[in-house]
C-alpha atoms as a PDB file:
ATOM      1  CA  MET A   1       0.000   0.000   0.000  1.00  0.00           C
ATOM      2  CA  VAL A   2       2.823   2.391   0.786  1.00  0.00           C
ATOM      3  CA  ALA A   3       4.523   1.614  -2.520  1.00  0.00           C
ATOM      4  CA  PHE A   4       1.255   2.138  -4.390  1.00  0.00           C
ATOM      5  CA  GLY A   5       0.693   5.461  -2.591  1.00  0.00           C
ATOM      6  CA  ILE A   6       4.171   6.683  -3.481  1.00  0.00           C
ATOM      7  CA  HIS A   7       3.615   5.576  -7.089  1.00  0.00           C
ATOM      8  CA  VAL A   8       0.363   7.607  -7.289  1.00  0.00           C
ATOM      9  CA  MET A   9       2.104  10.644  -5.778  1.00  0.00           C
ATOM     10  CA  ASP A  10       4.914  10.270  -8.315  1.00  0.00           C
ATOM     11  CA  ILE A  11       2.371  10.264 -11.154  1.00  0.00           C
ATOM     12  CA  PHE A  12       0.703  13.465  -9.992  1.00  0.00           C
ATOM     13  CA  PHE A  13       3.705  15.424  -8.713  1.00  0.00           C
ATOM     14  CA  ASN A  14       6.385  13.993 -11.063  1.00  0.00           C
ATOM     15  CA  GLU A  15       9.356  14.672  -8.803  1.00  0.00           C
ATOM     16  CA  ASN A  16      12.704  12.941  -9.079  1.00  0.00           C
ATOM     17  CA  LYS A  17      12.956  12.498  -5.315  1.00  0.00           C
ATOM     18  CA  LEU A  18       9.661  10.597  -5.147  1.00  0.00           C
ATOM     19  CA  ARG A  19      10.748   8.447  -8.070  1.00  0.00           C
ATOM     20  CA  VAL A  20      13.948   7.486  -6.277  1.00  0.00           C
ATOM     21  CA  TYR A  21      12.046   6.570  -3.106  1.00  0.00           C
ATOM     22  CA  ARG A  22       9.506   4.574  -5.114  1.00  0.00           C
ATOM     23  CA  LEU A  23      12.194   2.533  -6.862  1.00  0.00           C
ATOM     24  CA  ARG A  24      13.957   1.847  -3.584  1.00  0.00           C
ATOM     25  CA  LEU A  25      10.742   0.734  -1.928  1.00  0.00           C
ATOM     26  CA  PHE A  26       9.824  -1.471  -4.871  1.00  0.00           C
ATOM     27  CA  ALA A  27      13.233  -3.134  -4.768  1.00  0.00           C
ATOM     28  CA  ILE A  28      12.936  -3.917  -1.045  1.00  0.00           C
ATOM     29  CA  THR A  29       9.318  -5.080  -1.372  1.00  0.00           C
ATOM     30  CA  LEU A  30      10.245  -7.412  -4.213  1.00  0.00           C
ATOM     31  CA  ILE A  31      12.756  -9.211  -1.980  1.00  0.00           C
ATOM     32  CA  PHE A  32      10.231  -9.802   0.817  1.00  0.00           C
ATOM     33  CA  LEU A  33       7.485 -10.874  -1.585  1.00  0.00           C
ATOM     34  CA  TRP A  34       9.799 -13.424  -3.155  1.00  0.00           C
ATOM     35  CA  LEU A  35      10.886 -14.760   0.236  1.00  0.00           C
ATOM     36  CA  ARG A  36       7.224 -15.096   1.227  1.00  0.00           C
ATOM     37  CA  LEU A  37       6.880 -17.882  -1.333  1.00  0.00           C
ATOM     38  CA  MET A  38       8.736 -20.178   1.074  1.00  0.00           C
ATOM     39  CA  LYS A  39       5.645 -20.179   3.282  1.00  0.00           C
ATOM     40  CA  HIS A  40       3.819 -22.357   0.752  1.00  0.00           C
ATOM     41  CA  VAL A  41       6.443 -25.127   0.666  1.00  0.00           C
ATOM     42  CA  ARG A  42       6.533 -25.842   4.395  1.00  0.00           C
ATOM     43  CA  ALA A  43       4.246 -28.867   4.035  1.00  0.00           C
ATOM     44  CA  PHE A  44       6.666 -30.728   1.730  1.00  0.00           C
ATOM     45  CA  ARG A  45       8.821 -33.207   3.627  1.00  0.00           C
ATOM     46  CA  THR A  46      11.901 -32.590   1.485  1.00  0.00           C
ATOM     47  CA  ILE A  47      11.918 -28.778   1.630  1.00  0.00           C
ATOM     48  CA  GLY A  48       9.723 -27.946   4.615  1.00  0.00           C
ATOM     49  CA  PRO A  49      12.299 -28.636   7.384  1.00  0.00           C
ATOM     50  CA  PHE A  50      14.792 -26.305   5.709  1.00  0.00           C
ATOM     51  CA  VAL A  51      12.210 -23.502   5.636  1.00  0.00           C
ATOM     52  CA  ILE A  52      11.458 -24.078   9.327  1.00  0.00           C
ATOM     53  CA  ALA A  53      15.187 -24.043  10.056  1.00  0.00           C
ATOM     54  CA  LEU A  54      15.533 -20.671   8.326  1.00  0.00           C
ATOM     55  CA  GLY A  55      12.719 -19.316  10.472  1.00  0.00           C
ATOM     56  CA  LYS A  56      14.379 -20.506  13.676  1.00  0.00           C
ATOM     57  CA  ILE A  57      17.760 -19.164  12.539  1.00  0.00           C
ATOM     58  CA  VAL A  58      16.341 -15.639  12.773  1.00  0.00           C
ATOM     59  CA  GLY A  59      16.361 -15.939  16.574  1.00  0.00           C
ATOM     60  CA  ASP A  60      20.003 -17.023  16.549  1.00  0.00           C
ATOM     61  CA  VAL A  61      20.900 -14.094  14.289  1.00  0.00           C
ATOM     62  CA  LEU A  62      19.249 -11.658  16.693  1.00  0.00           C
ATOM     63  CA  ARG A  63      21.188 -13.109  19.623  1.00  0.00           C
ATOM     64  CA  PHE A  64      24.421 -12.946  17.673  1.00  0.00           C
ATOM     65  CA  PHE A  65      23.629  -9.371  16.627  1.00  0.00           C
ATOM     66  CA  PHE A  66      23.318  -8.321  20.290  1.00  0.00           C
ATOM     67  CA  PHE A  67      26.735  -9.742  21.193  1.00  0.00           C
ATOM     68  CA  TYR A  68      28.273  -8.341  18.016  1.00  0.00           C
ATOM     69  CA  ILE A  69      27.031  -4.833  18.852  1.00  0.00           C
ATOM     70  CA  GLU A  70      28.764  -5.141  22.228  1.00  0.00           C
ATOM     71  CA  ILE A  71      32.150  -5.036  20.512  1.00  0.00           C
ATOM     72  CA  PHE A  72      31.208  -3.131  17.358  1.00  0.00           C
ATOM     73  CA  ILE A  73      30.209   0.135  19.053  1.00  0.00           C
ATOM     74  CA  PRO A  74      33.326   0.580  21.252  1.00  0.00           C
ATOM     75  CA  TYR A  75      35.662  -0.331  18.397  1.00  0.00           C
ATOM     76  CA  ALA A  76      33.823   2.044  16.071  1.00  0.00           C
ATOM     77  CA  CYS A  77      34.339   4.835  18.602  1.00  0.00           C
ATOM     78  CA  ALA A  78      38.022   3.918  18.981  1.00  0.00           C
ATOM     79  CA  PHE A  79      38.614   3.869  15.207  1.00  0.00           C
ATOM     80  CA  TRP A  80      36.833   7.221  14.857  1.00  0.00           C
ATOM     81  CA  ILE A  81      38.953   8.812  17.567  1.00  0.00           C
ATOM     82  CA  ILE A  82      42.215   7.692  15.963  1.00  0.00           C
ATOM     83  CA  PHE A  83      41.465   7.599  12.220  1.00  0.00           C
ATOM     84  CA  GLY A  84      38.120   9.360  11.809  1.00  0.00           C
ATOM     85  CA  ASP A  85      37.741  12.485   9.646  1.00  0.00           C
ATOM     86  CA  ASN A  86      41.244  11.983   8.277  1.00  0.00           C
ATOM     87  CA  PRO A  87      41.803  12.518   4.523  1.00  0.00           C
ATOM     88  CA  GLU A  88      44.639   9.974   4.574  1.00  0.00           C
ATOM     89  CA  VAL A  89      42.125   7.207   5.411  1.00  0.00           C
ATOM     90  CA  PRO A  90      39.185   7.798   3.004  1.00  0.00           C
ATOM     91  CA  SER A  91      37.226   4.753   4.179  1.00  0.00           C
ATOM     92  CA  MET A  92      36.884   6.301   7.662  1.00  0.00           C
ATOM     93  CA  LYS A  93      36.309   9.914   6.691  1.00  0.00           C
ATOM     94  CA  THR A  94      32.641   9.790   7.745  1.00  0.00           C
ATOM     95  CA  ILE A  95      30.796   7.721  10.342  1.00  0.00           C
ATOM     96  CA  PRO A  96      28.752   5.652   7.810  1.00  0.00           C
ATOM     97  CA  LYS A  97      31.911   4.847   5.851  1.00  0.00           C
ATOM     98  CA  LEU A  98      33.714   3.896   9.054  1.00  0.00           C
ATOM     99  CA  MET A  99      30.916   1.539  10.155  1.00  0.00           C
ATOM    100  CA  TYR A 100      30.801  -0.114   6.750  1.00  0.00           C
ATOM    101  CA  SER A 101      34.582  -0.507   6.802  1.00  0.00           C
ATOM    102  CA  LEU A 102      34.385  -2.253  10.181  1.00  0.00           C
ATOM    103  CA  TYR A 103      31.714  -4.563   8.785  1.00  0.00           C
ATOM    104  CA  ARG A 104      34.028  -5.433   5.900  1.00  0.00           C
ATOM    105  CA  LEU A 105      36.824  -5.931   8.407  1.00  0.00           C
ATOM    106  CA  THR A 106      34.648  -8.505  10.201  1.00  0.00           C
ATOM    107  CA  LEU A 107      34.325 -10.441   6.956  1.00  0.00           C
ATOM    108  CA  VAL A 108      38.100 -10.153   6.377  1.00  0.00           C
ATOM    109  CA  ASP A 109      37.481  -8.029   3.308  1.00  0.00           C
ATOM    110  CA  GLU A 110      39.764  -5.317   1.939  1.00  0.00           C
ATOM    111  CA  TYR A 111      40.548  -2.474   4.321  1.00  0.00           C
ATOM    112  CA  GLU A 112      43.093   0.360   4.282  1.00  0.00           C
ATOM    113  CA  PHE A 113      45.538  -1.027   6.797  1.00  0.00           C
ATOM    114  CA  ASP A 114      48.631   0.531   5.189  1.00  0.00           C
ATOM    115  CA  LYS A 115      47.079   3.998   5.341  1.00  0.00           C
ATOM    116  CA  MET A 116      46.110   3.490   8.980  1.00  0.00           C
ATOM    117  CA  VAL A 117      49.700   2.467   9.754  1.00  0.00           C
ATOM    118  CA  LYS A 118      50.945   5.755   8.283  1.00  0.00           C
ATOM    119  CA  VAL A 119      48.599   7.718  10.562  1.00  0.00           C
ATOM    120  CA  ASP A 120      49.218   5.803  13.816  1.00  0.00           C
ATOM    121  CA  ARG A 121      51.252   2.606  13.618  1.00  0.00           C
ATOM    122  CA  PRO A 122      50.799   1.196  17.174  1.00  0.00           C
ATOM    123  CA  MET A 123      47.050   1.853  17.306  1.00  0.00           C
ATOM    124  CA  ALA A 124      46.545   0.461  13.810  1.00  0.00           C
ATOM    125  CA  TYR A 125      48.103  -2.861  14.808  1.00  0.00           C
ATOM    126  CA  LEU A 126      46.298  -2.900  18.163  1.00  0.00           C
ATOM    127  CA  LEU A 127      42.825  -2.015  16.969  1.00  0.00           C
ATOM    128  CA  CYS A 128      42.880  -4.033  13.745  1.00  0.00           C
ATOM    129  CA  GLY A 129      44.451  -7.089  15.382  1.00  0.00           C
ATOM    130  CA  THR A 130      42.092  -7.263  18.353  1.00  0.00           C
ATOM    131  CA  PHE A 131      38.986  -6.477  16.312  1.00  0.00           C
ATOM    132  CA  LEU A 132      39.870  -9.130  13.739  1.00  0.00           C
ATOM    133  CA  GLY A 133      40.503 -11.668  16.496  1.00  0.00           C
ATOM    134  CA  LEU A 134      37.216 -11.003  18.270  1.00  0.00           C
ATOM    135  CA  SER A 135      34.873 -10.482  15.319  1.00  0.00           C
ATOM    136  CA  ALA A 136      36.279 -12.589  12.489  1.00  0.00           C
ATOM    137  CA  LEU A 137      37.618 -15.503  14.546  1.00  0.00           C
ATOM    138  CA  LEU A 138      35.492 -15.695  17.678  1.00  0.00           C
ATOM    139  CA  TYR A 139      32.097 -14.230  16.825  1.00  0.00           C
ATOM    140  CA  VAL A 140      31.780 -15.553  13.277  1.00  0.00           C
ATOM    141  CA  ASN A 141      32.601 -19.087  14.441  1.00  0.00           C
ATOM    142  CA  LEU A 142      30.122 -18.668  17.283  1.00  0.00           C
ATOM    143  CA  MET A 143      27.500 -17.716  14.717  1.00  0.00           C
ATOM    144  CA  ILE A 144      28.285 -20.796  12.624  1.00  0.00           C
ATOM    145  CA  ALA A 145      28.001 -23.025  15.707  1.00  0.00           C
ATOM    146  CA  LEU A 146      24.603 -21.552  16.598  1.00  0.00           C
ATOM    147  CA  LEU A 147      23.289 -22.089  13.094  1.00  0.00           C
ATOM    148  CA  ALA A 148      24.611 -25.664  12.992  1.00  0.00           C
ATOM    149  CA  ASP A 149      22.964 -26.485  16.317  1.00  0.00           C
ATOM    150  CA  THR A 150      19.632 -25.058  15.180  1.00  0.00           C
ATOM    151  CA  PHE A 151      19.728 -26.982  11.908  1.00  0.00           C
ATOM    152  CA  GLN A 152      20.584 -30.215  13.723  1.00  0.00           C
ATOM    153  CA  ARG A 153      17.637 -29.805  16.100  1.00  0.00           C
ATOM    154  CA  VAL A 154      15.255 -29.125  13.239  1.00  0.00           C
ATOM    155  CA  ASN A 155      16.635 -31.981  11.135  1.00  0.00           C
ATOM    156  CA  GLU A 156      16.149 -34.481  13.966  1.00  0.00           C
ATOM    157  CA  ASN A 157      12.450 -33.584  14.128  1.00  0.00           C
ATOM    158  CA  ALA A 158      11.988 -33.245  10.358  1.00  0.00           C
ATOM    159  CA  SER A 159       9.215 -35.848  10.089  1.00  0.00           C
ATOM    160  CA  ALA A 160       7.275 -34.478  13.046  1.00  0.00           C
ATOM    161  CA  ILE A 161       7.642 -30.923  11.756  1.00  0.00           C
ATOM    162  CA  SER A 162       6.433 -31.842   8.273  1.00  0.00           C
ATOM    163  CA  VAL A 163       3.378 -33.638   9.686  1.00  0.00           C
ATOM    164  CA  MET A 164       2.623 -30.671  11.931  1.00  0.00           C
ATOM    165  CA  GLN A 165       2.907 -28.257   9.005  1.00  0.00           C
ATOM    166  CA  GLN A 166       0.593 -30.412   6.886  1.00  0.00           C
ATOM    167  CA  ALA A 167      -1.957 -30.477   9.702  1.00  0.00           C
ATOM    168  CA  SER A 168      -1.643 -26.720  10.124  1.00  0.00           C
ATOM    169  CA  ILE A 169      -2.252 -26.095   6.419  1.00  0.00           C
ATOM    170  CA  ILE A 170      -5.273 -28.420   6.416  1.00  0.00           C
ATOM    171  CA  ILE A 171      -6.758 -26.559   9.377  1.00  0.00           C
ATOM    172  CA  GLN A 172      -6.115 -23.222   7.669  1.00  0.00           C
ATOM    173  CA  VAL A 173      -7.887 -24.429   4.527  1.00  0.00           C
ATOM    174  CA  GLU A 174     -10.830 -25.646   6.608  1.00  0.00           C
ATOM    175  CA  ASP A 175     -11.024 -22.279   8.367  1.00  0.00           C
ATOM    176  CA  ILE A 176     -11.006 -20.458   5.025  1.00  0.00           C
ATOM    177  CA  MET A 177     -13.752 -22.729   3.660  1.00  0.00           C
ATOM    178  CA  PRO A 178     -15.855 -23.603   6.736  1.00  0.00           C
ATOM    179  CA  ASN A 179     -18.660 -25.208   4.723  1.00  0.00           C
ATOM    180  CA  LEU A 180     -16.329 -27.667   3.022  1.00  0.00           C
ATOM    181  CA  GLY A 181     -16.641 -30.401   5.628  1.00  0.00           C
ATOM    182  CA  ASP A 182     -20.049 -29.452   7.045  1.00  0.00           C
ATOM    183  CA  VAL A 183     -22.453 -32.181   5.984  1.00  0.00           C
ATOM    184  CA  SER A 184     -24.864 -31.906   8.909  1.00  0.00           C
ATOM    185  CA  ASN A 185     -27.309 -29.781   6.889  1.00  0.00           C
ATOM    186  CA  MET A 186     -27.097 -31.886   3.755  1.00  0.00           C
ATOM    187  CA  LYS A 187     -30.151 -33.769   2.595  1.00  0.00           C
ATOM    188  CA  PRO A 188     -29.825 -37.539   3.094  1.00  0.00           C
ATOM    189  CA  LEU A 189     -29.288 -39.586  -0.017  1.00  0.00           C
ATOM    190  CA  GLU A 190     -32.400 -41.138  -1.476  1.00  0.00           C
ATOM    191  CA  ILE A 191     -32.461 -44.467  -3.263  1.00  0.00           C
ATOM    192  CA  HIS A 192     -34.809 -44.441  -6.181  1.00  0.00           C
ATOM    193  CA  GLU A 193     -36.117 -47.820  -7.219  1.00  0.00           C
ATOM    194  CA  MET A 194     -38.633 -48.901  -9.821  1.00  0.00           C
ATOM    195  CA  ARG A 195     -41.861 -50.023  -8.212  1.00  0.00           C
ATOM    196  CA  LYS A 196     -43.847 -52.872  -9.598  1.00  0.00           C
ATOM    197  CA  GLU A 197     -47.363 -52.137 -10.656  1.00  0.00           C
ATOM    198  CA  VAL A 198     -49.813 -54.087  -8.524  1.00  0.00           C
ATOM    199  CA  HIS A 199     -53.534 -54.078  -8.342  1.00  0.00           C
ATOM    200  CA  PRO A 200     -54.754 -51.692  -5.607  1.00  0.00           C
ATOM    201  CA  MET A 201     -57.283 -54.215  -4.329  1.00  0.00           C
ATOM    202  CA  LYS A 202     -54.730 -57.039  -4.200  1.00  0.00           C
ATOM    203  CA  PRO A 203     -51.554 -55.974  -2.385  1.00  0.00           C
ATOM    204  CA  SER A 204     -48.826 -58.496  -2.884  1.00  0.00           C
ATOM    205  CA  LYS A 205     -46.359 -59.774  -0.306  1.00  0.00           C
ATOM    206  CA  SER A 206     -43.438 -58.771  -2.504  1.00  0.00           C
ATOM    207  CA  GLY A 207     -44.624 -55.130  -2.418  1.00  0.00           C
ATOM    208  CA  LYS A 208     -44.670 -55.171   1.368  1.00  0.00           C
ATOM    209  CA  ARG A 209     -41.173 -56.624   1.430  1.00  0.00           C
ATOM    210  CA  ASP A 210     -39.958 -53.924  -0.972  1.00  0.00           C
ATOM    211  CA  ARG A 211     -41.432 -51.158   1.172  1.00  0.00           C
ATOM    212  CA  ARG A 212     -39.816 -52.629   4.296  1.00  0.00           C
ATOM    213  CA  ALA A 213     -36.485 -52.916   2.462  1.00  0.00           C
ATOM    214  CA  ARG A 214     -36.685 -49.321   1.223  1.00  0.00           C
ATOM    215  CA  GLY A 215     -37.501 -48.071   4.706  1.00  0.00           C
ATOM    216  CA  LYS A 216     -34.599 -50.040   6.156  1.00  0.00           C
ATOM    217  CA  LYS A 217     -32.235 -48.689   3.500  1.00  0.00           C
ATOM    218  CA  SER A 218     -33.339 -45.096   4.107  1.00  0.00           C
ATOM    219  CA  ARG A 219     -32.820 -45.502   7.860  1.00  0.00           C
ATOM    220  CA  THR A 220     -29.397 -47.051   7.205  1.00  0.00           C
ATOM    221  CA  THR A 221     -28.502 -44.181   4.870  1.00  0.00           C
ATOM    222  CA  ALA A 222     -29.509 -41.604   7.482  1.00  0.00           C
ATOM    223  CA  MET A 223     -27.465 -43.420  10.132  1.00  0.00           C
ATOM    224  CA  ASP A 224     -24.455 -43.586   7.799  1.00  0.00           C
ATOM    225  CA  GLN A 225     -24.806 -39.882   7.084  1.00  0.00           C
ATOM    226  CA  ASN A 226     -24.846 -39.053  10.810  1.00  0.00           C
ATOM    227  CA  GLN A 227     -21.890 -41.352  11.390  1.00  0.00           C
ATOM    228  CA  LEU A 228     -19.973 -39.622   8.593  1.00  0.00           C
ATOM    229  CA  THR A 229     -20.659 -36.229  10.172  1.00  0.00           C
ATOM    230  CA  GLU A 230     -19.454 -37.468  13.567  1.00  0.00           C
ATOM    231  CA  ASN A 231     -16.339 -38.994  11.996  1.00  0.00           C
ATOM    232  CA  LEU A 232     -15.454 -35.735  10.241  1.00  0.00           C
ATOM    233  CA  ALA A 233     -15.858 -33.769  13.464  1.00  0.00           C
ATOM    234  CA  ALA A 234     -13.745 -36.300  15.380  1.00  0.00           C
ATOM    235  CA  LEU A 235     -11.095 -36.244  12.653  1.00  0.00           C
ATOM    236  CA  ARG A 236     -10.843 -32.455  12.850  1.00  0.00           C
ATOM    237  CA  THR A 237     -10.544 -32.599  16.659  1.00  0.00           C
ATOM    238  CA  ASP A 238      -7.864 -35.318  16.484  1.00  0.00           C
ATOM    239  CA  MET A 239      -5.922 -33.313  13.897  1.00  0.00           C
ATOM    240  CA  LYS A 240      -5.844 -30.253  16.153  1.00  0.00           C
ATOM    241  CA  LYS A 241      -4.780 -32.404  19.114  1.00  0.00           C
ATOM    242  CA  LEU A 242      -2.021 -33.966  16.976  1.00  0.00           C
ATOM    243  CA  GLN A 243      -0.742 -30.540  15.999  1.00  0.00           C
ATOM    244  CA  ASP A 244      -0.661 -29.383  19.636  1.00  0.00           C
ATOM    245  CA  LEU A 245       1.064 -32.621  20.723  1.00  0.00           C
ATOM    246  CA  LEU A 246       3.746 -32.364  18.031  1.00  0.00           C
ATOM    247  CA  HIS A 247       4.343 -28.727  18.921  1.00  0.00           C
ATOM    248  CA  GLN A 248       4.774 -29.665  22.599  1.00  0.00           C
ATOM    249  CA  LEU A 249       7.160 -32.512  21.723  1.00  0.00           C
ATOM    250  CA  ILE A 250       9.295 -30.188  19.613  1.00  0.00           C
ATOM    251  CA  GLN A 251       9.377 -27.585  22.377  1.00  0.00           C
ATOM    252  CA  CYS A 252      10.312 -30.231  24.958  1.00  0.00           C
ATOM    253  CA  GLY A 253      13.107 -31.528  22.732  1.00  0.00           C
ATOM    254  CA  THR A 254      14.386 -28.002  22.162  1.00  0.00           C
ATOM    255  CA  GLY A 255      14.244 -27.143  25.864  1.00  0.00           C
ATOM    256  CA  SER A 256      16.067 -30.318  26.903  1.00  0.00           C
ATOM    257  CA  ARG A 257      18.982 -29.395  24.651  1.00  0.00           C
END
């Protein structure tokens, strides 16, 4: 809705600034819309556990991000005090450039170490060496260990997770179409049979037997219809109980680890 509103404003006002914002918003929205497609493959047993693992990895990333910020902020301040706003180190001339340079330093990417040595040799070795040791060696490996542990826990419960996701999708479909399984108001099936023509003054025994058989069949059909309704209701209740039980088992397994 926001992207559509900005697009309408761009049509009427025709400003370059609105056009830039609209293109940026469209680009970001496209990424999230494409990632949303993974929601529809959770019920498949081959792909579903990986999608669930990606969802649980988000929690690990947030925990890692908290610990990473604990060392990123003080080191960013230290680098700014020593090398910030210095034309000899262009990558740290502004605060956004400095923060992006530290992020690249975490990934052991290119950074202007030689230029930092020319400005302050001891502090360049101290700050770069300790930050590389903490972020690139310690924290990145910690992140990999967290992700591996999460994937192992999800992979061990892959079958249970896939069954739970299938049950969840079935319940969602039933909630969207509530009249799909409701057969309580349906008219019972009627069995139409050809009746033999008999004389009204002379009722035959076979006609009486046919009427009794038709009445018995209609009662049996009504009973089968009621039994089918009860079975559908019981099946829906059992499916919800199965989903809750699988969810509890997964939580217990996760908590025990």
